[in-house]
Protein backbone atom coordinates (compact mmCIF):
# COMPACT_ATOMS: atom_id res chain seq x y z
CA UNK A 1 81.76 150.38 68.80
CA UNK A 2 80.71 154.02 69.74
CA UNK A 3 82.96 156.64 69.89
CA UNK A 4 83.66 158.87 72.80
CA UNK A 5 85.87 161.41 72.16
CA UNK A 6 87.14 163.49 75.28
CA UNK A 7 89.11 165.77 73.35
CA UNK A 8 89.32 169.70 72.35
CA UNK A 9 90.40 168.66 68.72
CA UNK A 10 89.02 165.64 67.24
CA UNK A 11 88.23 165.88 63.61
CA UNK A 12 84.42 165.90 63.92
CA UNK A 13 83.06 166.42 67.22
CA UNK A 14 86.58 167.93 69.05
CA UNK A 15 85.19 169.92 72.47
CA UNK A 16 81.52 168.50 72.41
CA UNK A 17 82.43 165.90 74.92
CA UNK A 18 85.70 167.64 76.69
CA UNK A 19 83.62 167.57 80.17
CA UNK A 20 83.35 164.52 82.14
CA UNK A 21 79.45 165.09 82.70
CA UNK A 22 79.05 165.62 78.81
CA UNK A 23 81.06 162.34 78.09
CA UNK A 24 79.35 160.51 80.26
CA UNK A 25 75.93 161.54 79.03
CA UNK A 26 77.23 160.74 75.68
CA UNK A 27 78.48 157.64 76.21
CA UNK A 28 75.06 156.38 78.02
CA UNK A 29 73.16 157.92 74.79
CA UNK A 30 75.36 155.84 72.51
CA UNK A 31 74.61 152.66 74.82
CA UNK A 32 70.95 153.41 74.64
CA UNK A 33 71.12 153.62 70.30
CA UNK A 34 72.82 150.09 70.77
CA UNK A 35 76.32 150.31 70.89
CA UNK A 36 78.04 146.92 71.74
CA UNK A 37 80.89 148.57 72.97
CA UNK A 38 82.59 152.21 73.63
CA UNK A 39 86.14 153.49 72.38
CA UNK A 40 87.15 156.40 74.64
CA UNK A 41 90.04 158.50 73.88
CA UNK A 42 91.70 161.61 75.18
CA UNK A 43 94.02 162.40 72.58
CA UNK A 44 93.00 163.12 68.86
CA UNK A 45 95.17 161.29 66.43
CA UNK A 46 93.62 162.77 63.26
CA UNK A 47 96.20 164.08 60.67
CA UNK A 48 98.14 166.97 61.70
CA UNK A 49 96.87 166.58 65.43
CA UNK A 50 99.57 167.73 68.24
CA UNK A 51 100.49 165.44 71.14
CA UNK A 52 99.46 166.03 74.49
CA UNK A 53 100.92 165.01 77.86
CA UNK A 54 100.43 161.75 79.77
CA UNK A 55 98.85 163.82 82.69
CA UNK A 56 96.62 165.88 80.63
CA UNK A 57 95.16 162.32 78.81
CA UNK A 58 94.74 160.83 82.38
CA UNK A 59 93.00 163.66 83.30
CA UNK A 60 90.37 163.45 80.61
CA UNK A 61 89.92 160.16 80.25
CA UNK A 62 89.75 158.53 83.67
CA UNK A 63 87.03 160.16 85.04
CA UNK A 64 84.87 158.81 82.30
CA UNK A 65 86.18 155.54 82.38
CA UNK A 66 85.54 155.20 86.10
CA UNK A 67 82.02 156.73 85.55
CA UNK A 68 81.34 153.78 83.21
CA UNK A 69 82.71 151.14 85.32
CA UNK A 70 78.92 149.97 85.92
CA UNK A 71 77.92 150.17 82.05
CA UNK A 72 76.53 146.99 80.42
CA UNK A 73 79.01 147.34 77.53
CA UNK A 74 82.78 146.72 77.67
CA UNK A 75 84.75 150.11 77.72
CA UNK A 76 87.92 150.54 75.28
CA UNK A 77 90.56 152.92 76.09
CA UNK A 78 91.78 154.28 72.93
CA UNK A 79 95.78 155.10 73.54
CA UNK A 80 98.94 154.29 72.57
CA UNK A 81 100.76 155.54 75.65
CA UNK A 82 101.80 152.51 78.54
CA UNK A 83 100.95 154.90 81.52
CA UNK A 84 97.33 155.50 80.08
CA UNK A 85 97.12 151.90 79.65
CA UNK A 86 97.92 150.83 82.80
CA UNK A 87 95.72 153.70 84.40
CA UNK A 88 92.47 152.54 81.91
CA UNK A 89 92.70 149.03 82.66
CA UNK A 90 93.02 149.83 86.44
CA UNK A 91 89.97 152.10 86.11
CA UNK A 92 87.80 149.22 84.48
CA UNK A 93 88.94 149.48 80.78
CA UNK A 94 88.28 146.06 79.15
CA UNK A 95 90.37 146.72 75.84
CA UNK A 96 93.01 148.87 74.41
CA UNK A 97 92.99 150.51 71.14
CA UNK A 98 96.36 151.13 70.05
CA UNK A 99 97.63 152.64 67.21
CA UNK A 100 100.83 151.83 67.24
CA UNK A 101 99.99 148.30 67.57
CA UNK A 102 101.81 147.52 70.84
CA UNK A 103 105.27 148.37 69.06
CA UNK A 104 106.30 150.16 72.51
CA UNK A 105 107.77 147.72 74.59
CA UNK A 106 106.14 148.83 77.72
CA UNK A 107 102.66 149.17 75.91
CA UNK A 108 103.39 145.66 75.29
CA UNK A 109 104.04 144.87 78.96
CA UNK A 110 101.09 146.72 79.87
CA UNK A 111 99.07 144.32 78.06
CA UNK A 112 100.72 140.99 78.56
CA UNK A 113 100.34 141.94 82.81
CA UNK A 114 96.54 142.22 82.16
CA UNK A 115 93.80 140.22 80.89
CA UNK A 116 92.20 142.85 78.51
CA UNK A 117 91.41 142.54 74.56
CA UNK A 118 94.14 144.81 72.53
CA UNK A 119 93.40 146.15 69.06
CA UNK A 120 96.35 146.27 66.73
CA UNK A 121 96.21 149.04 64.07
CA UNK A 122 98.41 149.50 60.74
CA UNK A 123 99.85 153.40 60.36
CA UNK A 124 102.30 155.05 58.24
CA UNK A 125 104.17 157.80 59.93
CA UNK A 126 102.66 159.99 62.95
CA UNK A 127 99.40 162.03 63.12
CA UNK A 128 101.56 165.05 62.53
CA UNK A 129 102.81 164.43 59.25
CA UNK A 130 101.38 160.88 58.24
CA UNK A 131 99.06 162.35 55.57
CA UNK A 132 102.19 164.07 53.50
CA UNK A 133 103.11 161.82 51.39
CA UNK A 134 101.80 157.90 51.86
CA UNK A 135 103.51 155.74 49.75
CA UNK A 136 103.03 151.55 49.29
CA UNK A 137 104.28 149.04 46.82
CA UNK A 138 100.98 147.00 47.31
CA UNK A 139 99.19 148.58 50.47
CA UNK A 140 97.21 145.41 50.68
CA UNK A 141 99.93 142.92 51.09
CA UNK A 142 102.34 145.75 53.57
CA UNK A 143 99.32 146.37 55.72
CA UNK A 144 98.68 142.22 55.71
CA UNK A 145 102.26 141.91 56.81
CA UNK A 146 102.26 144.23 59.02
CA UNK A 147 99.54 142.94 60.94
CA UNK A 148 100.15 139.56 60.91
CA UNK A 149 103.54 140.69 62.20
CA UNK A 150 102.18 142.35 65.19
CA UNK A 151 99.55 139.28 65.79
CA UNK A 152 102.78 136.88 66.14
CA UNK A 153 104.70 139.52 68.10
CA UNK A 154 102.03 139.89 70.51
CA UNK A 155 101.32 136.16 70.67
CA UNK A 156 105.13 135.54 71.53
CA UNK A 157 104.84 137.70 74.04
CA UNK A 158 102.11 135.68 75.86
CA UNK A 159 98.95 137.49 74.63
CA UNK A 160 96.61 134.99 73.57
CA UNK A 161 95.03 135.31 70.16
CA UNK A 162 91.47 135.38 71.27
CA UNK A 163 92.55 138.72 73.00
CA UNK A 164 93.64 140.08 69.65
CA UNK A 165 91.93 142.30 67.27
CA UNK A 166 93.27 144.19 64.01
CA UNK A 167 92.71 147.46 62.32
CA UNK A 168 93.88 148.04 58.95
CA UNK A 169 94.02 152.11 59.79
CA UNK A 170 91.99 153.77 57.21
CA UNK A 171 93.27 157.42 56.78
CA UNK A 172 96.52 156.92 58.99
CA UNK A 173 99.06 157.44 56.51
CA UNK A 174 97.05 156.48 53.22
CA UNK A 175 95.99 158.26 50.18
CA UNK A 176 92.24 157.92 48.97
CA UNK A 177 93.06 155.35 46.60
CA UNK A 178 94.91 153.37 49.71
CA UNK A 179 91.85 153.37 51.65
CA UNK A 180 89.65 152.22 48.82
CA UNK A 181 91.84 149.23 47.92
CA UNK A 182 92.04 147.96 51.79
CA UNK A 183 88.18 148.39 52.16
CA UNK A 184 87.52 146.71 48.66
CA UNK A 185 89.98 143.88 49.79
CA UNK A 186 88.90 143.68 53.41
CA UNK A 187 88.55 139.73 53.28
CA UNK A 188 92.17 139.67 53.00
CA UNK A 189 92.70 140.79 56.48
CA UNK A 190 89.84 138.48 58.03
CA UNK A 191 92.25 135.52 57.06
CA UNK A 192 94.74 136.65 59.36
CA UNK A 193 92.46 134.73 62.28
CA UNK A 194 91.50 137.47 64.10
CA UNK A 195 88.35 139.77 64.37
CA UNK A 196 89.00 142.80 62.15
CA UNK A 197 88.00 146.56 63.08
CA UNK A 198 87.16 149.26 60.55
CA UNK A 199 87.06 152.96 61.54
CA UNK A 200 85.50 154.60 58.41
CA UNK A 201 83.02 156.86 60.18
CA UNK A 202 82.94 160.56 58.79
CA UNK A 203 86.47 160.32 57.73
CA UNK A 204 87.97 162.71 54.96
CA UNK A 205 88.06 159.52 52.22
CA UNK A 206 84.32 159.84 52.60
CA UNK A 207 84.59 163.52 51.99
CA UNK A 208 86.74 163.07 49.03
CA UNK A 209 84.18 160.63 47.68
CA UNK A 210 81.08 162.80 48.07
CA UNK A 211 82.30 166.50 48.84
CA UNK A 212 80.46 166.52 51.85
CA UNK A 213 81.32 168.68 55.32
CA UNK A 214 82.37 166.30 58.08
CA UNK A 215 79.01 167.10 59.68
CA UNK A 216 77.17 165.65 56.11
CA UNK A 217 79.06 162.58 55.94
CA UNK A 218 76.10 160.12 57.88
CA UNK A 219 74.79 158.48 54.57
CA UNK A 220 78.57 157.85 53.43
CA UNK A 221 79.48 156.33 56.95
CA UNK A 222 76.97 153.87 56.73
CA UNK A 223 77.55 153.04 53.40
CA UNK A 224 81.06 152.39 54.75
CA UNK A 225 80.02 150.49 57.71
CA UNK A 226 77.86 148.26 55.50
CA UNK A 227 80.43 147.70 52.74
CA UNK A 228 82.87 146.77 55.35
CA UNK A 229 80.64 144.22 57.45
CA UNK A 230 80.03 142.95 53.83
CA UNK A 231 83.33 141.91 53.63
CA UNK A 232 84.11 140.71 56.82
CA UNK A 233 84.82 142.95 59.65
CA UNK A 234 83.83 142.34 62.97
CA UNK A 235 83.24 145.45 64.33
CA UNK A 236 82.51 148.97 62.94
CA UNK A 237 83.59 152.11 64.90
CA UNK A 238 81.14 154.76 64.49
CA UNK A 239 79.93 158.18 65.63
CA UNK A 240 76.53 157.53 64.69
CA UNK A 241 75.45 154.75 66.78
CA UNK A 242 71.48 154.28 66.15
CA UNK A 243 71.73 154.99 62.15
CA UNK A 244 74.43 152.25 61.93
CA UNK A 245 72.48 149.63 64.11
CA UNK A 246 68.99 150.41 62.06
CA UNK A 247 71.07 149.88 58.98
CA UNK A 248 72.82 146.74 60.13
CA UNK A 249 69.49 145.48 61.63
CA UNK A 250 68.06 145.68 57.76
CA UNK A 251 71.26 143.85 56.41
CA UNK A 252 71.60 141.38 58.96
CA UNK A 253 67.69 140.58 58.14
CA UNK A 254 68.23 140.12 54.58
CA UNK A 255 71.36 137.98 55.22
CA UNK A 256 69.72 135.77 57.89
CA UNK A 257 72.18 136.74 60.49
CA UNK A 258 70.91 137.87 63.93
CA UNK A 259 71.49 141.70 64.85
C-alpha cells in the first residue's frame, strides 16, 4: 500500500503532495514502482496533529480520488469522518482506512451502506495527546481484544468478514516498547481471521531505534516491513514503494512465494 498524503503537515512528507497535480503524479509514480493499492489521506494523524474541517479534507482528497478513478489499483481513503467516507466512496474509493475502527455509528453506517473494504485500526487516545502517557497492562492482549471486538461489531452490523482488514496501530498511543511487543507477536493478530495491515514506514519508533532523522529511515523501514511480512502481515503501508517491493521480491524468492 503506497501512501499519498494530501496534507501540509504529515510527519514525513507534509506539503509535498498538497496540490492535486503533485499528488496525482506521486500516485502514478507509486503505481509504476509496484504499489498494489494506494492510501489517500487529507488529514494528518501524526502525534500532536491538529484536526481539519470536513470541507477542507474533502477539498484535498476528492480531486485526487476522482483523478485516480481509472487507476489500475484499488484506492483507499484514510479518514475517520463519515462524510468524507461517503463522498470518497462515491468518487471511487474501494476501501476505507479508519483509525477509529468504525466506533462512530455514522461511520459504521457509511460502510454498511456500501460494498467497500474497511481497515479497523487500534489507537489509544487521540492524535493531539496519544503519545503523552500510553499505558497497557498487556499491549498485545489488549490490542487483540479490541480488534476482535471491532471485527465482531462490524460483522453484526452487516459487513462481511471478507471486507475487513485490521491494523494494530503502531505509534498510535504506544511507546517504543509497546510497538516492539506488537511487532514481535504480530502472528497473534493474524489469528483473528482477517488480513493484517501494518504501517511502520519512517515512524518515530524507527528513529528511536536507529537515531536517524525521518528522511534517513529507509533501511529501517524496509527491515520493519520484512519483519511484519515474516510475522504474517498481508499489507504493508509504505512511503518508499520501489525499495520495499524490491526487498519483498528477494524475500519471496527465498521463501518460495510469488511476488
